[in-house]
Amino acid sequence: MERRNHTGSYLAQYGIRPSVQRIAVMEYLQAHRTHPSAEEIYQALAPSMPTLSRTTVYNTLELLVAHGAVAHITIDPRFSRYDGDISLHGHFLCEHCGTLYDVPVEALPQTLYPKDHQVSSVQLSYRGTCAHCTQKHN
């Protein structure tokens, strides 16, 4: 119950009215740092929430992204992924196994930002072969 209250407070901090479905999606994203797709979230939550629909998951994710509570990651051309960690970090997509890894980054210097523009988000992404796949193929 305490976790639900914490998640509800987190959503309210972003101007999102907490609901059972919104809390469940947010808790899933916070607990599973795998950068899941909307379908993966739906498949994970549906067994315990029989009234949950795919549309509700998609709409909830859109709302969370629009309010800045969740990051929408578009590095994978196959499908959109979501990240409950909105701290400054990059992503690495392995083009062999499809795993999406977090990449820590230092604060980006403001000299990299376009002058006279207000930057609301930055996405830093890398693509290639992860260490596991490199070792497997050598």
N, C-alpha and C. Protein backbone atom coordinates (compact mmCIF):
# COMPACT_ATOMS: atom_id res chain seq x y z
N MET A 1 0.83 -1.19 0.00
CA MET A 1 0.00 0.00 0.00
C MET A 1 0.87 1.26 0.00
N GLU A 2 1.99 1.21 0.74
CA GLU A 2 2.87 2.37 0.82
C GLU A 2 3.45 2.70 -0.55
N ARG A 3 3.79 1.65 -1.33
CA ARG A 3 4.34 1.88 -2.67
C ARG A 3 3.31 2.58 -3.56
N ARG A 4 2.05 2.15 -3.47
CA ARG A 4 0.99 2.78 -4.27
C ARG A 4 0.85 4.25 -3.91
N ASN A 5 0.95 4.57 -2.61
CA ASN A 5 0.86 5.97 -2.18
C ASN A 5 2.03 6.76 -2.74
N HIS A 6 3.22 6.16 -2.73
CA HIS A 6 4.41 6.83 -3.27
C HIS A 6 4.23 7.07 -4.78
N THR A 7 3.75 6.06 -5.50
CA THR A 7 3.55 6.19 -6.95
C THR A 7 2.45 7.21 -7.24
N GLY A 8 1.40 7.20 -6.46
CA GLY A 8 0.33 8.19 -6.62
C GLY A 8 0.85 9.60 -6.41
N SER A 9 1.72 9.78 -5.42
CA SER A 9 2.33 11.10 -5.17
C SER A 9 3.24 11.50 -6.32
N TYR A 10 3.97 10.52 -6.85
CA TYR A 10 4.85 10.79 -7.99
C TYR A 10 4.03 11.28 -9.19
N LEU A 11 2.94 10.61 -9.48
CA LEU A 11 2.08 11.02 -10.60
C LEU A 11 1.50 12.41 -10.35
N ALA A 12 1.04 12.66 -9.15
CA ALA A 12 0.46 13.96 -8.82
C ALA A 12 1.49 15.08 -8.97
N GLN A 13 2.74 14.78 -8.67
CA GLN A 13 3.83 15.74 -8.83
C GLN A 13 3.95 16.20 -10.29
N TYR A 14 3.57 15.34 -11.23
CA TYR A 14 3.61 15.67 -12.65
C TYR A 14 2.25 16.13 -13.18
N GLY A 15 1.31 16.37 -12.28
CA GLY A 15 0.00 16.86 -12.69
C GLY A 15 -0.90 15.79 -13.26
N ILE A 16 -0.64 14.54 -12.89
CA ILE A 16 -1.43 13.41 -13.40
C ILE A 16 -2.29 12.88 -12.26
N ARG A 17 -3.59 12.79 -12.52
CA ARG A 17 -4.51 12.25 -11.52
C ARG A 17 -4.28 10.75 -11.42
N PRO A 18 -3.90 10.27 -10.23
CA PRO A 18 -3.65 8.83 -10.08
C PRO A 18 -4.93 8.01 -10.25
N SER A 19 -4.81 6.89 -10.93
CA SER A 19 -5.88 5.91 -11.04
C SER A 19 -5.23 4.54 -10.87
N VAL A 20 -6.01 3.53 -10.68
CA VAL A 20 -5.46 2.18 -10.50
C VAL A 20 -4.60 1.79 -11.70
N GLN A 21 -5.09 2.06 -12.91
CA GLN A 21 -4.35 1.69 -14.11
C GLN A 21 -3.06 2.51 -14.26
N ARG A 22 -3.13 3.80 -14.03
CA ARG A 22 -1.95 4.66 -14.16
C ARG A 22 -0.88 4.28 -13.14
N ILE A 23 -1.31 4.00 -11.92
CA ILE A 23 -0.37 3.58 -10.89
C ILE A 23 0.27 2.25 -11.29
N ALA A 24 -0.51 1.31 -11.80
CA ALA A 24 0.03 0.00 -12.19
C ALA A 24 1.06 0.13 -13.31
N VAL A 25 0.78 0.94 -14.32
CA VAL A 25 1.72 1.14 -15.43
C VAL A 25 2.99 1.80 -14.92
N MET A 26 2.85 2.84 -14.09
CA MET A 26 4.02 3.54 -13.57
C MET A 26 4.85 2.63 -12.67
N GLU A 27 4.20 1.86 -11.81
CA GLU A 27 4.93 0.93 -10.94
C GLU A 27 5.67 -0.12 -11.77
N TYR A 28 5.05 -0.57 -12.85
CA TYR A 28 5.73 -1.54 -13.71
C TYR A 28 6.99 -0.93 -14.32
N LEU A 29 6.88 0.29 -14.82
CA LEU A 29 8.04 0.95 -15.41
C LEU A 29 9.14 1.20 -14.39
N GLN A 30 8.77 1.53 -13.17
CA GLN A 30 9.76 1.78 -12.14
C GLN A 30 10.43 0.48 -11.68
N ALA A 31 9.70 -0.61 -11.70
CA ALA A 31 10.24 -1.89 -11.22
C ALA A 31 10.99 -2.65 -12.30
N HIS A 32 10.66 -2.43 -13.56
CA HIS A 32 11.26 -3.17 -14.68
C HIS A 32 12.03 -2.20 -15.57
N ARG A 33 13.31 -2.15 -15.37
CA ARG A 33 14.17 -1.21 -16.10
C ARG A 33 14.61 -1.78 -17.44
N THR A 34 13.71 -2.50 -18.10
CA THR A 34 14.02 -3.18 -19.37
C THR A 34 13.58 -2.39 -20.59
N HIS A 35 13.07 -1.19 -20.38
CA HIS A 35 12.58 -0.35 -21.48
C HIS A 35 11.50 -1.08 -22.27
N PRO A 36 10.43 -1.48 -21.61
CA PRO A 36 9.39 -2.28 -22.28
C PRO A 36 8.58 -1.50 -23.30
N SER A 37 7.98 -2.26 -24.21
CA SER A 37 7.02 -1.68 -25.15
C SER A 37 5.65 -1.65 -24.46
N ALA A 38 4.70 -0.97 -25.06
CA ALA A 38 3.34 -0.92 -24.52
C ALA A 38 2.75 -2.33 -24.46
N GLU A 39 3.01 -3.13 -25.47
CA GLU A 39 2.49 -4.50 -25.50
C GLU A 39 3.07 -5.34 -24.36
N GLU A 40 4.35 -5.18 -24.10
CA GLU A 40 4.98 -5.92 -22.99
C GLU A 40 4.36 -5.53 -21.65
N ILE A 41 4.09 -4.24 -21.48
CA ILE A 41 3.46 -3.78 -20.25
C ILE A 41 2.06 -4.37 -20.13
N TYR A 42 1.31 -4.32 -21.22
CA TYR A 42 -0.04 -4.88 -21.21
C TYR A 42 -0.02 -6.37 -20.86
N GLN A 43 0.86 -7.14 -21.50
CA GLN A 43 0.95 -8.58 -21.26
C GLN A 43 1.32 -8.89 -19.81
N ALA A 44 2.15 -8.05 -19.21
CA ALA A 44 2.56 -8.27 -17.83
C ALA A 44 1.45 -7.93 -16.83
N LEU A 45 0.68 -6.90 -17.12
CA LEU A 45 -0.33 -6.43 -16.16
C LEU A 45 -1.70 -7.08 -16.34
N ALA A 46 -2.04 -7.48 -17.54
CA ALA A 46 -3.38 -8.00 -17.83
C ALA A 46 -3.81 -9.18 -16.95
N PRO A 47 -2.94 -10.14 -16.67
CA PRO A 47 -3.39 -11.28 -15.85
C PRO A 47 -3.90 -10.86 -14.46
N SER A 48 -3.33 -9.84 -13.88
CA SER A 48 -3.78 -9.40 -12.56
C SER A 48 -4.82 -8.27 -12.63
N MET A 49 -5.04 -7.75 -13.84
CA MET A 49 -6.02 -6.68 -14.04
C MET A 49 -6.90 -7.04 -15.25
N PRO A 50 -7.85 -7.93 -15.07
CA PRO A 50 -8.65 -8.42 -16.21
C PRO A 50 -9.40 -7.34 -16.98
N THR A 51 -9.68 -6.21 -16.37
CA THR A 51 -10.41 -5.15 -17.08
C THR A 51 -9.48 -4.20 -17.82
N LEU A 52 -8.17 -4.40 -17.69
CA LEU A 52 -7.21 -3.54 -18.38
C LEU A 52 -7.25 -3.81 -19.88
N SER A 53 -7.24 -2.75 -20.67
CA SER A 53 -7.22 -2.91 -22.13
C SER A 53 -5.91 -2.36 -22.69
N ARG A 54 -5.60 -2.79 -23.89
CA ARG A 54 -4.41 -2.26 -24.57
C ARG A 54 -4.54 -0.75 -24.76
N THR A 55 -5.73 -0.31 -25.09
CA THR A 55 -5.99 1.11 -25.30
C THR A 55 -5.67 1.91 -24.04
N THR A 56 -6.05 1.38 -22.89
CA THR A 56 -5.77 2.05 -21.62
C THR A 56 -4.27 2.16 -21.40
N VAL A 57 -3.52 1.09 -21.70
CA VAL A 57 -2.07 1.12 -21.53
C VAL A 57 -1.46 2.17 -22.47
N TYR A 58 -1.86 2.15 -23.74
CA TYR A 58 -1.33 3.14 -24.70
C TYR A 58 -1.67 4.56 -24.28
N ASN A 59 -2.92 4.79 -23.89
CA ASN A 59 -3.34 6.14 -23.47
C ASN A 59 -2.61 6.58 -22.21
N THR A 60 -2.41 5.65 -21.28
CA THR A 60 -1.68 5.97 -20.05
C THR A 60 -0.24 6.35 -20.36
N LEU A 61 0.40 5.58 -21.23
CA LEU A 61 1.79 5.89 -21.61
C LEU A 61 1.88 7.25 -22.29
N GLU A 62 0.94 7.55 -23.18
CA GLU A 62 0.93 8.86 -23.84
C GLU A 62 0.80 9.99 -22.82
N LEU A 63 -0.06 9.79 -21.83
CA LEU A 63 -0.26 10.79 -20.79
C LEU A 63 1.01 10.96 -19.96
N LEU A 64 1.63 9.86 -19.56
CA LEU A 64 2.85 9.91 -18.75
C LEU A 64 3.98 10.61 -19.50
N VAL A 65 4.10 10.34 -20.78
CA VAL A 65 5.13 10.98 -21.61
C VAL A 65 4.82 12.47 -21.76
N ALA A 66 3.58 12.80 -22.06
CA ALA A 66 3.19 14.20 -22.27
C ALA A 66 3.46 15.07 -21.04
N HIS A 67 3.35 14.48 -19.85
CA HIS A 67 3.58 15.22 -18.62
C HIS A 67 5.02 15.12 -18.12
N GLY A 68 5.86 14.37 -18.83
CA GLY A 68 7.27 14.28 -18.45
C GLY A 68 7.60 13.29 -17.36
N ALA A 69 6.65 12.42 -17.01
CA ALA A 69 6.88 11.44 -15.95
C ALA A 69 7.60 10.19 -16.46
N VAL A 70 7.58 9.98 -17.78
CA VAL A 70 8.17 8.81 -18.43
C VAL A 70 8.81 9.26 -19.73
N ALA A 71 9.87 8.59 -20.12
CA ALA A 71 10.52 8.89 -21.40
C ALA A 71 10.06 7.93 -22.48
N HIS A 72 9.80 8.47 -23.65
CA HIS A 72 9.44 7.68 -24.83
C HIS A 72 10.72 7.51 -25.64
N ILE A 73 11.15 6.28 -25.82
CA ILE A 73 12.42 6.00 -26.49
C ILE A 73 12.12 5.47 -27.89
N THR A 74 12.68 6.13 -28.89
CA THR A 74 12.39 5.77 -30.28
C THR A 74 13.60 5.21 -31.01
N ILE A 75 14.59 4.71 -30.29
CA ILE A 75 15.81 4.19 -30.90
C ILE A 75 15.57 2.88 -31.66
N ASP A 76 14.57 2.12 -31.22
CA ASP A 76 14.29 0.81 -31.83
C ASP A 76 13.27 0.98 -32.95
N PRO A 77 13.64 0.71 -34.20
CA PRO A 77 12.71 0.93 -35.30
C PRO A 77 11.51 -0.03 -35.30
N ARG A 78 11.59 -1.11 -34.55
CA ARG A 78 10.51 -2.10 -34.52
C ARG A 78 9.32 -1.64 -33.70
N PHE A 79 9.59 -0.98 -32.57
CA PHE A 79 8.50 -0.49 -31.73
C PHE A 79 8.99 0.54 -30.73
N SER A 80 8.07 1.32 -30.22
CA SER A 80 8.39 2.32 -29.20
C SER A 80 8.62 1.62 -27.87
N ARG A 81 9.52 2.19 -27.10
CA ARG A 81 9.79 1.68 -25.77
C ARG A 81 9.65 2.82 -24.78
N TYR A 82 9.52 2.45 -23.51
CA TYR A 82 9.28 3.45 -22.47
C TYR A 82 10.24 3.24 -21.31
N ASP A 83 10.61 4.35 -20.68
CA ASP A 83 11.58 4.31 -19.60
C ASP A 83 11.05 5.11 -18.42
N GLY A 84 10.93 4.45 -17.28
CA GLY A 84 10.48 5.12 -16.07
C GLY A 84 11.56 5.95 -15.41
N ASP A 85 12.80 5.79 -15.88
CA ASP A 85 13.93 6.56 -15.35
C ASP A 85 14.11 7.79 -16.23
N ILE A 86 13.73 8.95 -15.72
CA ILE A 86 13.82 10.17 -16.53
C ILE A 86 15.07 10.99 -16.20
N SER A 87 15.99 10.39 -15.44
CA SER A 87 17.25 11.08 -15.16
C SER A 87 18.06 11.16 -16.45
N LEU A 88 19.06 12.04 -16.47
CA LEU A 88 19.91 12.20 -17.66
C LEU A 88 20.74 10.94 -17.88
N HIS A 89 20.48 10.24 -18.95
CA HIS A 89 21.26 9.07 -19.35
C HIS A 89 20.97 8.77 -20.81
N GLY A 90 21.85 8.00 -21.43
CA GLY A 90 21.67 7.62 -22.82
C GLY A 90 21.22 6.18 -22.92
N HIS A 91 21.09 5.71 -24.15
CA HIS A 91 20.67 4.33 -24.41
C HIS A 91 21.53 3.71 -25.51
N PHE A 92 21.79 2.43 -25.37
CA PHE A 92 22.52 1.66 -26.37
C PHE A 92 21.64 0.50 -26.79
N LEU A 93 21.34 0.39 -28.09
CA LEU A 93 20.54 -0.70 -28.64
C LEU A 93 21.45 -1.67 -29.34
N CYS A 94 21.46 -2.93 -28.89
CA CYS A 94 22.22 -3.96 -29.58
C CYS A 94 21.42 -4.39 -30.82
N GLU A 95 22.04 -4.25 -31.97
CA GLU A 95 21.37 -4.58 -33.23
C GLU A 95 21.30 -6.08 -33.47
N HIS A 96 21.94 -6.89 -32.60
CA HIS A 96 21.89 -8.34 -32.75
C HIS A 96 20.82 -8.97 -31.86
N CYS A 97 20.87 -8.66 -30.56
CA CYS A 97 19.92 -9.30 -29.64
C CYS A 97 18.71 -8.41 -29.30
N GLY A 98 18.78 -7.12 -29.64
CA GLY A 98 17.66 -6.22 -29.39
C GLY A 98 17.59 -5.66 -27.99
N THR A 99 18.57 -5.98 -27.14
CA THR A 99 18.57 -5.47 -25.77
C THR A 99 18.88 -3.97 -25.79
N LEU A 100 18.16 -3.24 -24.95
CA LEU A 100 18.36 -1.80 -24.82
C LEU A 100 18.96 -1.54 -23.44
N TYR A 101 20.15 -0.99 -23.43
CA TYR A 101 20.89 -0.75 -22.19
C TYR A 101 20.89 0.74 -21.86
N ASP A 102 20.89 1.04 -20.55
CA ASP A 102 21.12 2.41 -20.11
C ASP A 102 22.60 2.71 -20.19
N VAL A 103 22.94 3.93 -20.59
CA VAL A 103 24.33 4.38 -20.66
C VAL A 103 24.45 5.64 -19.81
N PRO A 104 25.24 5.58 -18.73
CA PRO A 104 25.40 6.79 -17.92
C PRO A 104 26.16 7.86 -18.71
N VAL A 105 25.75 9.09 -18.53
CA VAL A 105 26.44 10.22 -19.18
C VAL A 105 26.61 11.32 -18.16
N GLU A 106 27.65 12.09 -18.36
CA GLU A 106 27.84 13.29 -17.54
C GLU A 106 26.87 14.35 -18.05
N ALA A 107 26.69 15.38 -17.31
CA ALA A 107 25.83 16.47 -17.75
C ALA A 107 26.34 17.01 -19.09
N LEU A 108 25.44 17.22 -20.00
CA LEU A 108 25.82 17.73 -21.31
C LEU A 108 26.06 19.24 -21.21
N PRO A 109 27.18 19.70 -21.75
CA PRO A 109 27.44 21.15 -21.68
C PRO A 109 26.42 21.93 -22.50
N GLN A 110 26.05 23.07 -22.01
CA GLN A 110 25.04 23.89 -22.70
C GLN A 110 25.53 24.38 -24.05
N THR A 111 26.82 24.33 -24.30
CA THR A 111 27.33 24.76 -25.60
C THR A 111 26.87 23.81 -26.71
N LEU A 112 26.42 22.62 -26.33
CA LEU A 112 25.91 21.68 -27.34
C LEU A 112 24.47 21.97 -27.71
N TYR A 113 23.79 22.77 -26.91
CA TYR A 113 22.39 23.08 -27.18
C TYR A 113 22.29 24.16 -28.23
N PRO A 114 21.24 24.14 -29.02
CA PRO A 114 21.05 25.21 -30.01
C PRO A 114 20.87 26.56 -29.31
N LYS A 115 21.54 27.57 -29.84
CA LYS A 115 21.44 28.91 -29.25
C LYS A 115 20.04 29.48 -29.47
N ASP A 116 19.59 30.26 -28.52
CA ASP A 116 18.31 30.95 -28.59
C ASP A 116 17.11 30.01 -28.64
N HIS A 117 17.29 28.76 -28.25
CA HIS A 117 16.19 27.81 -28.18
C HIS A 117 16.11 27.28 -26.76
N GLN A 118 14.91 26.92 -26.33
CA GLN A 118 14.72 26.33 -25.02
C GLN A 118 14.63 24.83 -25.20
N VAL A 119 15.57 24.08 -24.64
CA VAL A 119 15.62 22.63 -24.78
C VAL A 119 14.76 22.00 -23.69
N SER A 120 13.79 21.17 -24.08
CA SER A 120 12.94 20.52 -23.09
C SER A 120 13.33 19.06 -22.87
N SER A 121 14.04 18.47 -23.82
CA SER A 121 14.50 17.09 -23.62
C SER A 121 15.68 16.80 -24.55
N VAL A 122 16.48 15.83 -24.15
CA VAL A 122 17.63 15.39 -24.93
C VAL A 122 17.60 13.87 -24.95
N GLN A 123 17.80 13.27 -26.13
CA GLN A 123 17.93 11.82 -26.23
C GLN A 123 19.28 11.51 -26.84
N LEU A 124 20.08 10.76 -26.09
CA LEU A 124 21.39 10.34 -26.54
C LEU A 124 21.31 8.84 -26.77
N SER A 125 21.56 8.40 -27.99
CA SER A 125 21.43 6.98 -28.28
C SER A 125 22.58 6.46 -29.12
N TYR A 126 22.90 5.21 -28.87
CA TYR A 126 23.95 4.50 -29.59
C TYR A 126 23.36 3.20 -30.10
N ARG A 127 23.88 2.74 -31.23
CA ARG A 127 23.47 1.45 -31.80
C ARG A 127 24.74 0.69 -32.14
N GLY A 128 24.68 -0.62 -32.04
CA GLY A 128 25.84 -1.44 -32.38
C GLY A 128 25.67 -2.84 -31.84
N THR A 129 26.76 -3.43 -31.39
CA THR A 129 26.75 -4.80 -30.87
C THR A 129 27.18 -4.75 -29.41
N CYS A 130 26.37 -5.33 -28.53
CA CYS A 130 26.68 -5.33 -27.11
C CYS A 130 27.85 -6.28 -26.82
N ALA A 131 28.42 -6.15 -25.64
CA ALA A 131 29.56 -6.97 -25.24
C ALA A 131 29.21 -8.46 -25.28
N HIS A 132 28.02 -8.81 -24.81
CA HIS A 132 27.61 -10.22 -24.81
C HIS A 132 27.57 -10.80 -26.21
N CYS A 133 26.98 -10.10 -27.15
CA CYS A 133 26.89 -10.58 -28.53
C CYS A 133 28.26 -10.60 -29.20
N THR A 134 29.09 -9.62 -28.88
CA THR A 134 30.44 -9.60 -29.44
C THR A 134 31.21 -10.84 -29.01
N GLN A 135 31.13 -11.19 -27.72
CA GLN A 135 31.82 -12.38 -27.22
C GLN A 135 31.25 -13.66 -27.82
N LYS A 136 29.95 -13.69 -28.00
CA LYS A 136 29.28 -14.87 -28.54
C LYS A 136 29.67 -15.11 -29.99
N HIS A 137 29.90 -14.05 -30.75
CA HIS A 137 30.19 -14.19 -32.17
C HIS A 137 31.71 -14.25 -32.49
N ASN A 138 32.55 -14.17 -31.46
CA ASN A 138 34.01 -14.27 -31.66
C ASN A 138 34.52 -15.63 -31.27
